[in-house]
């Protein structure tokens, strides 16, 4: 059985795992019944500078079922609905212009649907692109076809890797899971403002 507990505040000065367990027990779940604790979201409350806190939404897997109607602020866990859009019939080949984030994920999804895309990118692969950019920074030698704007991973490869968007999509969770599966830090799955970083992004893009 899995349950959800939201808005747990824990001082950043304290042992996070220990304090989360205390909060779970405080809500009426016995310690010996806790099998696993997972973060679904983590943010920072810094409104009071002398008492900065992490704010957690967590999922708790229980060894045995319990009646949550008698527990305090404990809710049933609901699985995210899996998104499974279907490809249109008759499509055999698709051209994708640009190997940036949108192009790479479009290519991935098409492959999953059994369609073999061709991705066109004017710039170089990440490793070669690194050398080209280094030459530009040191010697002002610009390659107009491969630079910070163009190449494997797009302009985002050399960004600081902040993962944010104003778009709502059923694919959002899939994107984060794919990033983690290809080398990104696991905490991007739950951090309120997830951040990968340029060095890690280069590895993720290649993978």
Protein backbone atom coordinates (compact mmCIF):
# COMPACT_ATOMS: atom_id res chain seq x y z
CA UNK A 1 0.00 0.00 0.00
CA UNK A 2 1.25 3.49 -0.84
CA UNK A 3 0.08 6.80 0.67
CA UNK A 4 0.86 10.48 0.07
CA UNK A 5 1.74 13.10 2.68
CA UNK A 6 2.17 16.72 1.53
CA UNK A 7 3.63 19.93 2.96
CA UNK A 8 6.05 18.48 5.50
CA UNK A 9 8.40 21.21 6.75
CA UNK A 10 11.88 20.20 7.92
CA UNK A 11 14.67 22.58 9.00
CA UNK A 12 17.70 22.32 6.72
CA UNK A 13 19.83 22.03 9.87
CA UNK A 14 18.25 18.69 10.84
CA UNK A 15 18.64 15.10 9.64
CA UNK A 16 16.11 15.03 6.78
CA UNK A 17 15.40 11.28 6.74
CA UNK A 18 15.00 11.10 10.51
CA UNK A 19 12.68 14.12 10.63
CA UNK A 20 10.53 12.84 7.77
CA UNK A 21 10.11 9.54 9.57
CA UNK A 22 9.08 11.42 12.73
CA UNK A 23 6.45 13.36 10.76
CA UNK A 24 5.06 10.14 9.26
CA UNK A 25 4.77 8.57 12.71
CA UNK A 26 3.15 11.75 14.04
CA UNK A 27 0.39 11.31 11.45
CA UNK A 28 -0.51 7.87 12.82
CA UNK A 29 1.64 5.45 10.81
CA UNK A 30 3.71 3.04 12.88
CA UNK A 31 7.46 3.05 12.26
CA UNK A 32 7.61 -0.72 11.75
CA UNK A 33 5.02 -0.40 8.95
CA UNK A 34 7.16 2.00 6.88
CA UNK A 35 8.80 0.16 3.99
CA UNK A 36 9.99 3.00 1.75
CA UNK A 37 9.94 6.82 1.62
CA UNK A 38 10.14 8.59 -1.76
CA UNK A 39 10.14 12.30 -2.60
CA UNK A 40 7.55 13.52 -5.09
CA UNK A 41 8.49 17.19 -4.66
CA UNK A 42 10.98 19.21 -2.62
CA UNK A 43 11.18 23.00 -2.38
CA UNK A 44 12.80 25.52 -0.04
CA UNK A 45 10.99 27.91 2.29
CA UNK A 46 13.45 30.74 2.98
CA UNK A 47 10.98 33.40 4.11
CA UNK A 48 12.44 33.29 7.63
CA UNK A 49 16.20 33.64 7.20
CA UNK A 50 16.97 32.24 10.64
CA UNK A 51 14.87 29.12 10.03
CA UNK A 52 15.18 27.95 6.40
CA UNK A 53 13.23 24.78 5.69
CA UNK A 54 12.80 22.12 3.07
CA UNK A 55 9.14 21.53 2.17
CA UNK A 56 8.39 17.97 1.08
CA UNK A 57 5.62 16.09 -0.66
CA UNK A 58 6.36 12.41 -0.11
CA UNK A 59 5.08 8.98 -1.06
CA UNK A 60 5.25 6.31 1.65
CA UNK A 61 5.09 2.60 0.84
CA UNK A 62 3.61 0.60 3.74
CA UNK A 63 4.27 -3.04 4.51
CA UNK A 64 0.64 -3.57 5.55
CA UNK A 65 -2.58 -1.81 4.54
CA UNK A 66 -4.07 0.67 7.01
CA UNK A 67 -7.31 2.60 7.28
CA UNK A 68 -6.14 6.10 6.31
CA UNK A 69 -9.51 7.69 7.10
CA UNK A 70 -8.41 7.80 10.75
CA UNK A 71 -4.99 9.30 9.99
CA UNK A 72 -4.04 12.99 9.89
CA UNK A 73 -3.33 14.53 6.46
CA UNK A 74 -2.58 11.18 4.84
CA UNK A 75 -4.02 10.64 1.36
CA UNK A 76 -4.25 7.67 -1.01
CA UNK A 77 -1.61 7.42 -3.72
CA UNK A 78 -2.82 7.78 -7.31
CA UNK A 79 -0.73 6.50 -10.21
CA UNK A 80 0.05 8.99 -12.98
CA UNK A 81 -1.87 8.12 -16.09
CA UNK A 82 0.53 6.84 -18.73
CA UNK A 83 0.55 8.92 -21.87
CA UNK A 84 0.45 6.80 -25.01
CA UNK A 85 -0.30 8.89 -28.06
CA UNK A 86 -0.59 6.87 -31.25
CA UNK A 87 1.24 7.57 -34.49
CA UNK A 88 -0.81 8.32 -37.59
CA UNK A 89 -1.16 5.42 -39.98
CA UNK A 90 1.00 5.41 -43.09
CA UNK A 91 3.92 7.45 -41.72
CA UNK A 92 7.19 5.70 -42.52
CA UNK A 93 9.91 8.37 -42.38
CA UNK A 94 10.06 11.76 -40.66
CA UNK A 95 12.69 14.51 -40.94
CA UNK A 96 13.55 16.43 -37.78
CA UNK A 97 15.40 19.72 -38.12
CA UNK A 98 17.79 20.32 -35.24
CA UNK A 99 19.23 18.05 -32.53
CA UNK A 100 18.26 20.32 -29.65
CA UNK A 101 16.03 19.17 -26.75
CA UNK A 102 12.83 19.25 -28.84
CA UNK A 103 14.46 17.45 -31.77
CA UNK A 104 16.02 14.74 -29.60
CA UNK A 105 12.80 13.99 -27.72
CA UNK A 106 10.77 14.06 -30.93
CA UNK A 107 13.18 11.51 -32.42
CA UNK A 108 12.99 9.34 -29.29
CA UNK A 109 9.18 9.31 -29.31
CA UNK A 110 9.03 8.49 -33.01
CA UNK A 111 11.40 5.55 -32.49
CA UNK A 112 9.17 4.30 -29.68
CA UNK A 113 6.25 4.39 -32.11
CA UNK A 114 8.18 2.35 -34.66
CA UNK A 115 8.98 5.26 -36.98
CA UNK A 116 12.59 5.83 -38.04
CA UNK A 117 13.36 9.57 -38.12
CA UNK A 118 16.27 11.38 -39.75
CA UNK A 119 17.67 14.19 -37.58
CA UNK A 120 19.41 17.03 -39.41
CA UNK A 121 21.88 19.14 -37.38
CA UNK A 122 24.33 21.64 -38.85
CA UNK A 123 26.78 21.51 -35.90
CA UNK A 124 29.19 18.93 -34.54
CA UNK A 125 28.88 16.24 -31.89
CA UNK A 126 29.43 17.37 -28.30
CA UNK A 127 33.10 16.33 -27.97
CA UNK A 128 34.14 17.98 -31.27
CA UNK A 129 31.96 20.97 -30.49
CA UNK A 130 33.80 21.45 -27.18
CA UNK A 131 37.11 21.83 -29.03
CA UNK A 132 35.58 24.25 -31.56
CA UNK A 133 34.12 26.43 -28.81
CA UNK A 134 37.39 26.35 -26.88
CA UNK A 135 39.17 27.66 -29.98
CA UNK A 136 36.62 30.46 -30.26
CA UNK A 137 37.05 31.47 -26.61
CA UNK A 138 40.88 31.35 -26.73
CA UNK A 139 41.64 32.52 -30.27
CA UNK A 140 38.36 34.12 -31.53
CA UNK A 141 38.14 31.47 -34.28
CA UNK A 142 34.40 31.17 -35.03
CA UNK A 143 33.01 28.17 -36.86
CA UNK A 144 29.67 29.56 -38.19
CA UNK A 145 28.18 26.07 -38.46
CA UNK A 146 29.23 24.70 -35.06
CA UNK A 147 29.36 26.92 -32.00
CA UNK A 148 27.39 27.57 -28.79
CA UNK A 149 24.18 27.84 -30.85
CA UNK A 150 24.59 24.89 -33.22
CA UNK A 151 25.53 21.27 -32.60
CA UNK A 152 24.47 18.13 -30.75
CA UNK A 153 22.07 19.10 -27.97
CA UNK A 154 21.40 22.59 -29.36
CA UNK A 155 22.08 25.80 -27.47
CA UNK A 156 20.87 24.12 -24.27
CA UNK A 157 24.00 21.93 -24.08
CA UNK A 158 25.94 24.97 -22.87
CA UNK A 159 23.20 26.37 -20.65
CA UNK A 160 23.24 25.92 -16.87
CA UNK A 161 20.62 23.19 -17.24
CA UNK A 162 17.64 24.70 -15.46
CA UNK A 163 14.61 22.53 -16.31
CA UNK A 164 11.55 24.74 -16.47
CA UNK A 165 8.68 25.34 -18.85
CA UNK A 166 5.27 27.00 -18.82
CA UNK A 167 3.88 24.15 -20.91
CA UNK A 168 1.60 21.54 -19.36
CA UNK A 169 2.00 18.10 -20.89
CA UNK A 170 1.37 14.49 -20.03
CA UNK A 171 4.92 13.83 -21.21
CA UNK A 172 6.52 15.98 -18.47
CA UNK A 173 7.25 13.07 -16.14
CA UNK A 174 8.61 10.98 -19.04
CA UNK A 175 11.08 13.73 -19.93
CA UNK A 176 12.51 13.84 -16.41
CA UNK A 177 12.72 10.04 -16.24
CA UNK A 178 14.57 9.92 -19.59
CA UNK A 179 17.04 12.57 -18.41
CA UNK A 180 17.78 10.58 -15.24
CA UNK A 181 18.06 7.32 -17.19
CA UNK A 182 20.72 8.99 -19.36
CA UNK A 183 22.87 10.41 -16.58
CA UNK A 184 21.09 13.35 -14.93
CA UNK A 185 20.88 13.60 -11.14
CA UNK A 186 17.97 11.70 -9.60
CA UNK A 187 16.91 14.70 -7.49
CA UNK A 188 15.57 16.49 -10.58
CA UNK A 189 12.57 14.15 -10.22
CA UNK A 190 11.47 15.91 -7.05
CA UNK A 191 13.28 19.25 -6.69
CA UNK A 192 10.96 22.24 -7.09
CA UNK A 193 13.50 24.03 -9.33
CA UNK A 194 15.42 21.17 -10.94
CA UNK A 195 18.90 21.92 -12.25
CA UNK A 196 21.30 19.65 -14.14
CA UNK A 197 24.40 21.74 -14.95
CA UNK A 198 26.43 22.04 -18.15
CA UNK A 199 28.98 19.31 -17.39
CA UNK A 200 26.26 16.72 -16.72
CA UNK A 201 24.13 17.93 -19.64
CA UNK A 202 26.92 17.10 -22.09
CA UNK A 203 26.92 13.49 -20.84
CA UNK A 204 23.10 13.26 -20.98
CA UNK A 205 22.99 14.63 -24.54
CA UNK A 206 25.54 12.06 -25.75
CA UNK A 207 23.74 9.21 -24.02
